[in-house]
Amino acid sequence: MNSLELDIKEELNGNEIEFWLNLKIDGEEFLKRIDKDLNAAIFEELENSLKGDNEYLIFTCECGVADCGGWKKTKVKHLEGKTTWIFDYNDVKYNFEFDAQLYKNEIDRMRIELNKSKLKLKPEFILDPE
């Protein structure tokens, strides 16, 4: 089973500090592992994925336009105590399986951290793939 870890990454953009969701799978920054281009993970979509089986835009281009980064929605399924992600990116198929309770706990922990810090994560908007 895979592990999910979330934290906040700070990046300097000119004179402004930007805050991004840093998503790690099995201890490794997932977006850095798969692509050197600048992509982003969307916390609100992760949080929405707790609501049930569906497709969610968990990853997108840093500008917020999924098509710009070549992203499609991630199929999320909840079954028998597991949360599964299935998606393709750059002609590679990904399939991750998380313990459902640990998955929920990590997302809830990040929500508490974001509420306390009042940080606004980038990108500021997202546009679903066509």
Foldseek 3Di string as FASTA:
>chain_A
DKAWAWDWDWDDDPNDIAIAIQIDINNHRVVVVPDVAAKGADLVQLVVLLVAWDWTCRIAHQLQERVVQQFATWTWHDDDQKIWTWGDGPNDIDIDIDRSVNSVVNSVVVVVVCVVVVHDHDDPYHDHDD
